[in-house]
């Protein structure tokens, strides 16, 4: 039994998933009728073609970025859309229900790969920095007794003073 993917393996898998995305996207864009016929979703060709554009975009993102993790999560979210779309093909009365079911199983397999790859490339959690002990600190530069009266000669600048017209009660000659 093998353990979880190592980051180096996950990077290689991400590259492979990028190429897979581009290939699948091209098929969905260029031949949506064949894809919908194969998956039991006939009549949804425009939706499949738009999903193909999404696949191409995430594939290019995976192949051209230094950090593939956001693009892998984009693939996972796209897989959720695909699962929902294919699940609609499982409705009773759909004569192509078996095809939709097989396509759904294939998408779930690829979703597992996407998810495993995205989780393997998560940034490692670093332990938090140790907290400093501030129990003996008051936040004052000197003891309070040494600072008493230090600002007793401070004069408030004129532009900091409240204008006479705004003081309460207003001085006698300012009304």
Protein backbone atom coordinates (compact mmCIF):
# COMPACT_ATOMS: atom_id res chain seq x y z
CA UNK A 1 0.00 0.00 0.00
CA UNK A 2 1.46 3.35 -0.96
CA UNK A 3 1.07 6.53 1.04
CA UNK A 4 -0.17 9.92 -0.10
CA UNK A 5 1.38 11.65 -3.10
CA UNK A 6 4.68 13.35 -2.52
CA UNK A 7 4.95 16.95 -3.80
CA UNK A 8 7.37 15.93 -6.56
CA UNK A 9 5.01 13.21 -7.77
CA UNK A 10 2.09 15.62 -7.52
CA UNK A 11 3.89 18.17 -9.73
CA UNK A 12 4.40 15.51 -12.40
CA UNK A 13 0.77 14.46 -12.10
CA UNK A 14 -0.29 18.12 -12.39
CA UNK A 15 1.60 18.37 -15.68
CA UNK A 16 -0.12 15.23 -16.93
CA UNK A 17 -3.50 16.55 -15.85
CA UNK A 18 -2.73 19.78 -17.71
CA UNK A 19 -2.16 17.89 -20.96
CA UNK A 20 -5.23 15.74 -20.28
CA UNK A 21 -7.30 18.91 -19.74
CA UNK A 22 -6.18 20.44 -23.01
CA UNK A 23 -6.86 17.21 -24.93
CA UNK A 24 -10.28 16.67 -23.39
CA UNK A 25 -11.16 20.33 -23.86
CA UNK A 26 -10.26 20.22 -27.54
CA UNK A 27 -12.44 17.14 -28.05
CA UNK A 28 -15.35 18.83 -26.22
CA UNK A 29 -15.00 22.03 -28.27
CA UNK A 30 -14.40 20.42 -31.67
CA UNK A 31 -16.76 17.44 -31.40
CA UNK A 32 -19.46 18.21 -28.81
CA UNK A 33 -22.03 16.03 -30.63
CA UNK A 34 -19.84 12.95 -30.26
CA UNK A 35 -19.15 13.71 -26.59
CA UNK A 36 -22.84 14.18 -25.77
CA UNK A 37 -23.73 11.01 -27.66
CA UNK A 38 -21.03 9.04 -25.79
CA UNK A 39 -22.11 10.38 -22.38
CA UNK A 40 -25.86 10.12 -22.89
CA UNK A 41 -26.38 13.90 -22.80
CA UNK A 42 -27.59 14.59 -26.33
CA UNK A 43 -29.05 18.06 -26.70
CA UNK A 44 -26.46 19.67 -24.40
CA UNK A 45 -23.77 20.31 -27.01
CA UNK A 46 -23.33 24.00 -26.18
CA UNK A 47 -22.87 23.19 -22.50
CA UNK A 48 -20.27 20.54 -23.31
CA UNK A 49 -18.43 22.96 -25.62
CA UNK A 50 -18.32 25.57 -22.85
CA UNK A 51 -16.98 22.92 -20.47
CA UNK A 52 -14.32 22.25 -23.10
CA UNK A 53 -13.20 25.89 -22.97
CA UNK A 54 -12.93 25.57 -19.19
CA UNK A 55 -10.81 22.44 -19.58
CA UNK A 56 -8.47 24.15 -22.06
CA UNK A 57 -8.04 27.16 -19.76
CA UNK A 58 -7.21 25.05 -16.70
CA UNK A 59 -4.87 22.88 -18.76
CA UNK A 60 -2.94 25.91 -19.98
CA UNK A 61 -2.88 27.24 -16.42
CA UNK A 62 -1.47 23.97 -15.09
CA UNK A 63 1.26 23.86 -17.72
CA UNK A 64 2.38 27.48 -17.48
CA UNK A 65 2.35 28.33 -13.78
CA UNK A 66 4.87 27.82 -11.01
CA UNK A 67 2.09 27.11 -8.50
CA UNK A 68 -0.38 24.65 -10.02
CA UNK A 69 -2.49 24.36 -6.88
CA UNK A 70 -5.11 27.04 -7.76
CA UNK A 71 -5.54 25.48 -11.19
CA UNK A 72 -5.94 22.05 -9.64
CA UNK A 73 -8.71 23.40 -7.42
CA UNK A 74 -10.20 24.87 -10.60
CA UNK A 75 -10.18 21.36 -12.07
CA UNK A 76 -11.80 19.95 -8.93
CA UNK A 77 -14.58 22.56 -9.09
CA UNK A 78 -15.02 21.83 -12.80
CA UNK A 79 -15.27 18.14 -11.96
CA UNK A 80 -18.10 18.98 -9.55
CA UNK A 81 -19.93 20.68 -12.44
CA UNK A 82 -19.30 17.65 -14.64
CA UNK A 83 -20.61 15.28 -11.95
CA UNK A 84 -23.76 17.36 -11.58
CA UNK A 85 -24.30 17.44 -15.32
CA UNK A 86 -23.75 13.70 -15.70
CA UNK A 87 -25.97 12.96 -12.70
CA UNK A 88 -28.80 14.65 -14.61
CA UNK A 89 -28.27 12.01 -17.29
CA UNK A 90 -29.08 9.30 -14.73
CA UNK A 91 -32.70 10.38 -14.52
CA UNK A 92 -35.28 7.63 -14.96
CA UNK A 93 -36.49 7.33 -18.50
CA UNK A 94 -33.21 8.38 -20.11
CA UNK A 95 -32.48 5.67 -22.69
CA UNK A 96 -28.75 6.50 -22.45
CA UNK A 97 -28.65 6.17 -18.68
CA UNK A 98 -25.91 3.51 -18.81
CA UNK A 99 -23.64 5.78 -20.83
CA UNK A 100 -24.15 8.62 -18.37
CA UNK A 101 -23.35 6.26 -15.51
CA UNK A 102 -20.11 5.08 -17.11
CA UNK A 103 -19.07 8.66 -17.87
CA UNK A 104 -19.89 9.61 -14.27
CA UNK A 105 -17.62 6.86 -12.96
CA UNK A 106 -14.80 8.05 -15.22
CA UNK A 107 -15.22 11.65 -14.03
CA UNK A 108 -15.22 10.51 -10.40
CA UNK A 109 -11.91 8.71 -11.02
CA UNK A 110 -10.34 11.82 -12.52
CA UNK A 111 -11.80 13.90 -9.67
CA UNK A 112 -10.00 11.64 -7.19
CA UNK A 113 -6.71 12.27 -9.04
CA UNK A 114 -7.33 16.04 -9.15
CA UNK A 115 -8.17 16.13 -5.46
CA UNK A 116 -5.19 13.99 -4.41
CA UNK A 117 -2.87 16.19 -6.47
CA UNK A 118 -4.31 19.44 -5.08
CA UNK A 119 -4.05 18.19 -1.50
CA UNK A 120 -0.47 17.00 -2.00
CA UNK A 121 0.58 20.47 -3.19
CA UNK A 122 -0.96 22.33 -0.26
CA UNK A 123 1.55 24.59 1.47
CA UNK A 124 2.95 22.95 4.58
CA UNK A 125 1.69 24.32 7.83
CA UNK A 126 4.49 25.95 9.75
CA UNK A 127 4.32 26.05 13.54
CA UNK A 128 3.28 29.45 14.87
CA UNK A 129 5.97 31.77 16.15
CA UNK A 130 6.45 31.59 19.92
CA UNK A 131 4.63 34.32 21.79
CA UNK A 132 6.77 36.76 23.72
CA UNK A 133 6.07 37.23 27.41
CA UNK A 134 4.79 40.75 28.06
CA UNK A 135 3.60 40.20 31.62
CA UNK A 136 6.09 42.62 33.16
CA UNK A 137 5.59 45.34 30.55
CA UNK A 138 3.23 48.26 30.97
CA UNK A 139 3.78 49.82 27.56
CA UNK A 140 5.23 52.95 29.12
CA UNK A 141 8.86 53.98 28.50
CA UNK A 142 9.46 54.86 32.17
CA UNK A 143 7.69 54.10 35.43
CA UNK A 144 4.53 56.22 35.92
CA UNK A 145 6.05 58.17 38.83
CA UNK A 146 8.98 59.30 36.66
CA UNK A 147 6.64 60.50 33.91
CA UNK A 148 4.24 62.52 36.09
CA UNK A 149 4.26 66.14 35.10
CA UNK A 150 6.43 65.53 32.02
CA UNK A 151 3.92 67.28 29.75
CA UNK A 152 2.78 69.95 32.21
CA UNK A 153 4.39 72.68 30.12
CA UNK A 154 2.72 71.54 26.87
CA UNK A 155 0.80 74.26 25.06
CA UNK A 156 -1.88 73.20 22.58
CA UNK A 157 -1.14 74.76 19.18
CA UNK A 158 -3.72 77.26 17.94
CA UNK A 159 -4.79 75.13 14.98
CA UNK A 160 -5.51 72.23 17.36
CA UNK A 161 -7.80 74.29 19.61
CA UNK A 162 -11.58 74.25 19.31
CA UNK A 163 -12.79 77.47 17.62
CA UNK A 164 -14.65 79.79 19.98
CA UNK A 165 -17.88 79.52 17.98
CA UNK A 166 -17.97 75.76 18.60
CA UNK A 167 -17.26 75.82 22.34
CA UNK A 168 -20.00 75.10 24.84
CA UNK A 169 -21.18 77.36 26.27
CA UNK A 170 -20.17 79.81 23.60
CA UNK A 171 -18.20 82.82 24.87
CA UNK A 172 -20.32 85.97 25.38
CA UNK A 173 -19.21 87.97 22.31
CA UNK A 174 -19.18 85.19 19.70
CA UNK A 175 -22.94 84.98 18.87
